[in-house]
Amino acid sequence: MPILRSTEIRKMNDSEREKRLQELRVELLNHRAKVASGGALETPGRIKALKRTIARILTIKKELEHSAEVEG
C-alpha cells in the first residue's frame, strides 16, 4: 500500500512536497541502518513502499517542472 497516493502528492504545494520527501528519505535511511546492523524490521515491506513513494514524489515534481517550462 502506498504511503502517499499520486493525487495527494499533486494537491501539495512545493514546500509540502519537499518537506515530505525529506521525511521519507530520513525514514528510509533509518530503516536501512536498522537492517544493516542486523535488526529485524516490524514491517519489511515498508522499505519498498518508502522507495516507491520517494520515486513517485520525484516523478511528479519533474512533471510539474516540465509543464511549467512548456507553459512559459
PDB file of N, CA and C in Angstrom:
ATOM      1  N   MET A   1       0.831  -1.176   0.000  1.00  0.00           N
ATOM      2  CA  MET A   1       0.000   0.000   0.000  1.00  0.00           C
ATOM      3  C   MET A   1       0.882   1.247   0.000  1.00  0.00           C
ATOM      4  N   PRO A   2       0.585   2.199  -0.873  1.00  0.00           N
ATOM      5  CA  PRO A   2       1.432   3.388  -0.932  1.00  0.00           C
ATOM      6  C   PRO A   2       1.252   4.267   0.296  1.00  0.00           C
ATOM      7  N   ILE A   3       2.303   4.934   0.656  1.00  0.00           N
ATOM      8  CA  ILE A   3       2.263   5.850   1.777  1.00  0.00           C
ATOM      9  C   ILE A   3       1.483   7.100   1.375  1.00  0.00           C
ATOM     10  N   LEU A   4       1.747   7.589   0.170  1.00  0.00           N
ATOM     11  CA  LEU A   4       1.028   8.725  -0.396  1.00  0.00           C
ATOM     12  C   LEU A   4       0.563   8.360  -1.795  1.00  0.00           C
ATOM     13  N   ARG A   5      -0.639   8.717  -2.117  1.00  0.00           N
ATOM     14  CA  ARG A   5      -1.149   8.484  -3.465  1.00  0.00           C
ATOM     15  C   ARG A   5      -0.765   9.660  -4.352  1.00  0.00           C
ATOM     16  N   SER A   6      -0.743   9.417  -5.655  1.00  0.00           N
ATOM     17  CA  SER A   6      -0.363  10.446  -6.608  1.00  0.00           C
ATOM     18  C   SER A   6      -1.254  11.674  -6.501  1.00  0.00           C
ATOM     19  N   THR A   7      -2.547  11.454  -6.307  1.00  0.00           N
ATOM     20  CA  THR A   7      -3.461  12.596  -6.209  1.00  0.00           C
ATOM     21  C   THR A   7      -3.154  13.442  -4.979  1.00  0.00           C
ATOM     22  N   GLU A   8      -2.766  12.797  -3.881  1.00  0.00           N
ATOM     23  CA  GLU A   8      -2.410  13.534  -2.674  1.00  0.00           C
ATOM     24  C   GLU A   8      -1.148  14.363  -2.897  1.00  0.00           C
ATOM     25  N   ILE A   9      -0.189  13.791  -3.609  1.00  0.00           N
ATOM     26  CA  ILE A   9       1.069  14.490  -3.877  1.00  0.00           C
ATOM     27  C   ILE A   9       0.819  15.691  -4.777  1.00  0.00           C
ATOM     28  N   ARG A  10      -0.034  15.527  -5.781  1.00  0.00           N
ATOM     29  CA  ARG A  10      -0.324  16.621  -6.706  1.00  0.00           C
ATOM     30  C   ARG A  10      -1.039  17.777  -6.014  1.00  0.00           C
ATOM     31  N   LYS A  11      -1.798  17.498  -4.975  1.00  0.00           N
ATOM     32  CA  LYS A  11      -2.523  18.547  -4.243  1.00  0.00           C
ATOM     33  C   LYS A  11      -1.603  19.371  -3.356  1.00  0.00           C
ATOM     34  N   MET A  12      -0.427  18.842  -3.024  1.00  0.00           N
ATOM     35  CA  MET A  12       0.517  19.547  -2.156  1.00  0.00           C
ATOM     36  C   MET A  12       1.181  20.694  -2.910  1.00  0.00           C
ATOM     37  N   ASN A  13       1.613  21.717  -2.159  1.00  0.00           N
ATOM     38  CA  ASN A  13       2.423  22.752  -2.802  1.00  0.00           C
ATOM     39  C   ASN A  13       3.887  22.306  -2.749  1.00  0.00           C
ATOM     40  N   ASP A  14       4.758  23.095  -3.365  1.00  0.00           N
ATOM     41  CA  ASP A  14       6.166  22.695  -3.483  1.00  0.00           C
ATOM     42  C   ASP A  14       6.842  22.480  -2.128  1.00  0.00           C
ATOM     43  N   SER A  15       6.593  23.368  -1.198  1.00  0.00           N
ATOM     44  CA  SER A  15       7.264  23.243   0.109  1.00  0.00           C
ATOM     45  C   SER A  15       6.778  22.012   0.871  1.00  0.00           C
ATOM     46  N   GLU A  16       5.485  21.697   0.764  1.00  0.00           N
ATOM     47  CA  GLU A  16       4.968  20.491   1.424  1.00  0.00           C
ATOM     48  C   GLU A  16       5.575  19.241   0.812  1.00  0.00           C
ATOM     49  N   ARG A  17       5.714  19.227  -0.517  1.00  0.00           N
ATOM     50  CA  ARG A  17       6.319  18.073  -1.192  1.00  0.00           C
ATOM     51  C   ARG A  17       7.761  17.888  -0.756  1.00  0.00           C
ATOM     52  N   GLU A  18       8.517  18.986  -0.695  1.00  0.00           N
ATOM     53  CA  GLU A  18       9.920  18.903  -0.280  1.00  0.00           C
ATOM     54  C   GLU A  18      10.047  18.413   1.165  1.00  0.00           C
ATOM     55  N   LYS A  19       9.189  18.926   2.027  1.00  0.00           N
ATOM     56  CA  LYS A  19       9.220  18.521   3.433  1.00  0.00           C
ATOM     57  C   LYS A  19       8.924  17.029   3.558  1.00  0.00           C
ATOM     58  N   ARG A  20       7.900  16.572   2.873  1.00  0.00           N
ATOM     59  CA  ARG A  20       7.516  15.153   2.936  1.00  0.00           C
ATOM     60  C   ARG A  20       8.610  14.267   2.336  1.00  0.00           C
ATOM     61  N   LEU A  21       9.239  14.743   1.264  1.00  0.00           N
ATOM     62  CA  LEU A  21      10.322  13.995   0.637  1.00  0.00           C
ATOM     63  C   LEU A  21      11.480  13.811   1.611  1.00  0.00           C
ATOM     64  N   GLN A  22      11.844  14.854   2.317  1.00  0.00           N
ATOM     65  CA  GLN A  22      12.930  14.757   3.290  1.00  0.00           C
ATOM     66  C   GLN A  22      12.568  13.813   4.436  1.00  0.00           C
ATOM     67  N   GLU A  23      11.317  13.881   4.903  1.00  0.00           N
ATOM     68  CA  GLU A  23      10.879  12.982   5.972  1.00  0.00           C
ATOM     69  C   GLU A  23      10.978  11.526   5.535  1.00  0.00           C
ATOM     70  N   LEU A  24      10.547  11.245   4.306  1.00  0.00           N
ATOM     71  CA  LEU A  24      10.588   9.872   3.800  1.00  0.00           C
ATOM     72  C   LEU A  24      12.018   9.380   3.630  1.00  0.00           C
ATOM     73  N   ARG A  25      12.899  10.266   3.161  1.00  0.00           N
ATOM     74  CA  ARG A  25      14.303   9.874   2.992  1.00  0.00           C
ATOM     75  C   ARG A  25      14.957   9.551   4.333  1.00  0.00           C
ATOM     76  N   VAL A  26      14.636  10.327   5.352  1.00  0.00           N
ATOM     77  CA  VAL A  26      15.185  10.062   6.697  1.00  0.00           C
ATOM     78  C   VAL A  26      14.647   8.734   7.220  1.00  0.00           C
ATOM     79  N   GLU A  27      13.365   8.500   7.028  1.00  0.00           N
ATOM     80  CA  GLU A  27      12.780   7.238   7.480  1.00  0.00           C
ATOM     81  C   GLU A  27      13.411   6.048   6.762  1.00  0.00           C
ATOM     82  N   LEU A  28      13.629   6.185   5.458  1.00  0.00           N
ATOM     83  CA  LEU A  28      14.275   5.115   4.695  1.00  0.00           C
ATOM     84  C   LEU A  28      15.695   4.878   5.199  1.00  0.00           C
ATOM     85  N   LEU A  29      16.413   5.944   5.463  1.00  0.00           N
ATOM     86  CA  LEU A  29      17.776   5.832   5.987  1.00  0.00           C
ATOM     87  C   LEU A  29      17.781   5.086   7.322  1.00  0.00           C
ATOM     88  N   ASN A  30      16.828   5.417   8.189  1.00  0.00           N
ATOM     89  CA  ASN A  30      16.746   4.752   9.494  1.00  0.00           C
ATOM     90  C   ASN A  30      16.443   3.264   9.342  1.00  0.00           C
ATOM     91  N   HIS A  31      15.529   2.920   8.432  1.00  0.00           N
ATOM     92  CA  HIS A  31      15.201   1.511   8.209  1.00  0.00           C
ATOM     93  C   HIS A  31      16.400   0.754   7.647  1.00  0.00           C
ATOM     94  N   ARG A  32      17.103   1.367   6.709  1.00  0.00           N
ATOM     95  CA  ARG A  32      18.280   0.711   6.122  1.00  0.00           C
ATOM     96  C   ARG A  32      19.370   0.510   7.172  1.00  0.00           C
ATOM     97  N   ALA A  33      19.550   1.477   8.055  1.00  0.00           N
ATOM     98  CA  ALA A  33      20.555   1.355   9.112  1.00  0.00           C
ATOM     99  C   ALA A  33      20.199   0.214  10.057  1.00  0.00           C
ATOM    100  N   LYS A  34      18.912   0.093  10.357  1.00  0.00           N
ATOM    101  CA  LYS A  34      18.477  -0.983  11.248  1.00  0.00           C
ATOM    102  C   LYS A  34      18.739  -2.352  10.623  1.00  0.00           C
ATOM    103  N   VAL A  35      18.468  -2.477   9.324  1.00  0.00           N
ATOM    104  CA  VAL A  35      18.713  -3.740   8.631  1.00  0.00           C
ATOM    105  C   VAL A  35      20.211  -4.028   8.576  1.00  0.00           C
ATOM    106  N   ALA A  36      21.013  -3.003   8.303  1.00  0.00           N
ATOM    107  CA  ALA A  36      22.464  -3.184   8.205  1.00  0.00           C
ATOM    108  C   ALA A  36      23.072  -3.595   9.535  1.00  0.00           C
ATOM    109  N   SER A  37      22.476  -3.162  10.627  1.00  0.00           N
ATOM    110  CA  SER A  37      23.015  -3.517  11.931  1.00  0.00           C
ATOM    111  C   SER A  37      22.541  -4.890  12.400  1.00  0.00           C
ATOM    112  N   GLY A  38      21.759  -5.542  11.570  1.00  0.00           N
ATOM    113  CA  GLY A  38      21.326  -6.889  11.899  1.00  0.00           C
ATOM    114  C   GLY A  38      19.973  -6.968  12.553  1.00  0.00           C
ATOM    115  N   GLY A  39      19.304  -5.872  12.664  1.00  0.00           N
ATOM    116  CA  GLY A  39      17.983  -5.860  13.296  1.00  0.00           C
ATOM    117  C   GLY A  39      16.899  -6.320  12.338  1.00  0.00           C
ATOM    118  N   ALA A  40      15.789  -6.719  12.887  1.00  0.00           N
ATOM    119  CA  ALA A  40      14.657  -7.146  12.083  1.00  0.00           C
ATOM    120  C   ALA A  40      13.601  -6.051  12.084  1.00  0.00           C
ATOM    121  N   LEU A  41      13.046  -5.791  10.925  1.00  0.00           N
ATOM    122  CA  LEU A  41      12.008  -4.769  10.819  1.00  0.00           C
ATOM    123  C   LEU A  41      10.648  -5.359  11.179  1.00  0.00           C
ATOM    124  N   GLU A  42       9.811  -4.515  11.759  1.00  0.00           N
ATOM    125  CA  GLU A  42       8.447  -4.951  12.075  1.00  0.00           C
ATOM    126  C   GLU A  42       7.642  -5.139  10.793  1.00  0.00           C
ATOM    127  N   THR A  43       7.873  -4.235   9.828  1.00  0.00           N
ATOM    128  CA  THR A  43       7.175  -4.324   8.543  1.00  0.00           C
ATOM    129  C   THR A  43       8.211  -4.293   7.420  1.00  0.00           C
ATOM    130  N   PRO A  44       8.621  -5.446   6.929  1.00  0.00           N
ATOM    131  CA  PRO A  44       9.661  -5.496   5.906  1.00  0.00           C
ATOM    132  C   PRO A  44       9.267  -4.810   4.598  1.00  0.00           C
ATOM    133  N   GLY A  45       8.002  -4.758   4.291  1.00  0.00           N
ATOM    134  CA  GLY A  45       7.565  -4.129   3.055  1.00  0.00           C
ATOM    135  C   GLY A  45       7.616  -2.617   3.096  1.00  0.00           C
ATOM    136  N   ARG A  46       7.890  -2.068   4.258  1.00  0.00           N
ATOM    137  CA  ARG A  46       7.918  -0.615   4.416  1.00  0.00           C
ATOM    138  C   ARG A  46       9.032   0.020   3.587  1.00  0.00           C
ATOM    139  N   ILE A  47      10.187  -0.641   3.476  1.00  0.00           N
ATOM    140  CA  ILE A  47      11.298  -0.098   2.697  1.00  0.00           C
ATOM    141  C   ILE A  47      10.881   0.042   1.232  1.00  0.00           C
ATOM    142  N   LYS A  48      10.249  -0.960   0.694  1.00  0.00           N
ATOM    143  CA  LYS A  48       9.792  -0.911  -0.686  1.00  0.00           C
ATOM    144  C   LYS A  48       8.771   0.206  -0.884  1.00  0.00           C
ATOM    145  N   ALA A  49       7.855   0.356   0.060  1.00  0.00           N
ATOM    146  CA  ALA A  49       6.844   1.405  -0.026  1.00  0.00           C
ATOM    147  C   ALA A  49       7.487   2.789   0.053  1.00  0.00           C
ATOM    148  N   LEU A  50       8.482   2.936   0.902  1.00  0.00           N
ATOM    149  CA  LEU A  50       9.177   4.215   1.015  1.00  0.00           C
ATOM    150  C   LEU A  50       9.890   4.569  -0.287  1.00  0.00           C
ATOM    151  N   LYS A  51      10.580   3.596  -0.857  1.00  0.00           N
ATOM    152  CA  LYS A  51      11.299   3.843  -2.102  1.00  0.00           C
ATOM    153  C   LYS A  51      10.343   4.219  -3.232  1.00  0.00           C
ATOM    154  N   ARG A  52       9.216   3.544  -3.300  1.00  0.00           N
ATOM    155  CA  ARG A  52       8.233   3.855  -4.341  1.00  0.00           C
ATOM    156  C   ARG A  52       7.627   5.231  -4.153  1.00  0.00           C
ATOM    157  N   THR A  53       7.345   5.593  -2.916  1.00  0.00           N
ATOM    158  CA  THR A  53       6.754   6.896  -2.647  1.00  0.00           C
ATOM    159  C   THR A  53       7.742   8.021  -2.950  1.00  0.00           C
ATOM    160  N   ILE A  54       9.005   7.822  -2.611  1.00  0.00           N
ATOM    161  CA  ILE A  54      10.030   8.809  -2.933  1.00  0.00           C
ATOM    162  C   ILE A  54      10.113   8.978  -4.446  1.00  0.00           C
ATOM    163  N   ALA A  55      10.122   7.873  -5.171  1.00  0.00           N
ATOM    164  CA  ALA A  55      10.169   7.936  -6.633  1.00  0.00           C
ATOM    165  C   ALA A  55       8.926   8.617  -7.187  1.00  0.00           C
ATOM    166  N   ARG A  56       7.788   8.350  -6.600  1.00  0.00           N
ATOM    167  CA  ARG A  56       6.534   8.964  -7.046  1.00  0.00           C
ATOM    168  C   ARG A  56       6.579  10.485  -6.859  1.00  0.00           C
ATOM    169  N   ILE A  57       7.088  10.931  -5.726  1.00  0.00           N
ATOM    170  CA  ILE A  57       7.190  12.373  -5.476  1.00  0.00           C
ATOM    171  C   ILE A  57       8.152  13.019  -6.469  1.00  0.00           C
ATOM    172  N   LEU A  58       9.287  12.397  -6.689  1.00  0.00           N
ATOM    173  CA  LEU A  58      10.268  12.955  -7.623  1.00  0.00           C
ATOM    174  C   LEU A  58       9.722  13.000  -9.051  1.00  0.00           C
ATOM    175  N   THR A  59       8.981  11.973  -9.442  1.00  0.00           N
ATOM    176  CA  THR A  59       8.399  11.933 -10.776  1.00  0.00           C
ATOM    177  C   THR A  59       7.386  13.052 -10.961  1.00  0.00           C
ATOM    178  N   ILE A  60       6.519  13.233 -10.003  1.00  0.00           N
ATOM    179  CA  ILE A  60       5.506  14.289 -10.103  1.00  0.00           C
ATOM    180  C   ILE A  60       6.174  15.657 -10.081  1.00  0.00           C
ATOM    181  N   LYS A  61       7.224  15.793  -9.296  1.00  0.00           N
ATOM    182  CA  LYS A  61       7.971  17.051  -9.251  1.00  0.00           C
ATOM    183  C   LYS A  61       8.542  17.382 -10.630  1.00  0.00           C
ATOM    184  N   LYS A  62       9.132  16.396 -11.299  1.00  0.00           N
ATOM    185  CA  LYS A  62       9.675  16.591 -12.646  1.00  0.00           C
ATOM    186  C   LYS A  62       8.578  16.924 -13.645  1.00  0.00           C
ATOM    187  N   GLU A  63       7.439  16.235 -13.543  1.00  0.00           N
ATOM    188  CA  GLU A  63       6.316  16.507 -14.442  1.00  0.00           C
ATOM    189  C   GLU A  63       5.861  17.952 -14.308  1.00  0.00           C
ATOM    190  N   LEU A  64       5.746  18.430 -13.075  1.00  0.00           N
ATOM    191  CA  LEU A  64       5.300  19.798 -12.843  1.00  0.00           C
ATOM    192  C   LEU A  64       6.325  20.815 -13.334  1.00  0.00           C
ATOM    193  N   GLU A  65       7.608  20.517 -13.156  1.00  0.00           N
ATOM    194  CA  GLU A  65       8.651  21.407 -13.673  1.00  0.00           C
ATOM    195  C   GLU A  65       8.592  21.470 -15.198  1.00  0.00           C
ATOM    196  N   HIS A  66       8.386  20.319 -15.813  1.00  0.00           N
ATOM    197  CA  HIS A  66       8.336  20.267 -17.275  1.00  0.00           C
ATOM    198  C   HIS A  66       7.121  21.028 -17.804  1.00  0.00           C
ATOM    199  N   SER A  67       5.984  20.872 -17.159  1.00  0.00           N
ATOM    200  CA  SER A  67       4.780  21.571 -17.608  1.00  0.00           C
ATOM    201  C   SER A  67       4.933  23.079 -17.420  1.00  0.00           C
ATOM    202  N   ALA A  68       5.659  23.508 -16.393  1.00  0.00           N
ATOM    203  CA  ALA A  68       5.901  24.934 -16.178  1.00  0.00           C
ATOM    204  C   ALA A  68       6.814  25.498 -17.275  1.00  0.00           C
ATOM    205  N   GLU A  69       7.783  24.697 -17.737  1.00  0.00           N
ATOM    206  CA  GLU A  69       8.672  25.141 -18.810  1.00  0.00           C
ATOM    207  C   GLU A  69       7.915  25.273 -20.123  1.00  0.00           C
ATOM    208  N   VAL A  70       7.013  24.355 -20.374  1.00  0.00           N
ATOM    209  CA  VAL A  70       6.257  24.358 -21.623  1.00  0.00           C
ATOM    210  C   VAL A  70       5.307  25.554 -21.668  1.00  0.00           C
ATOM    211  N   GLU A  71       4.680  25.855 -20.525  1.00  0.00           N
ATOM    212  CA  GLU A  71       3.719  26.942 -20.466  1.00  0.00           C
ATOM    213  C   GLU A  71       4.378  28.311 -20.595  1.00  0.00           C
ATOM    214  N   GLY A  72       5.537  28.455 -20.022  1.00  0.00           N
ATOM    215  CA  GLY A  72       6.103  29.792 -20.012  1.00  0.00           C
ATOM    216  C   GLY A  72       7.533  29.778 -20.182  1.00  0.00           C
TER     217      GLY A  72
END
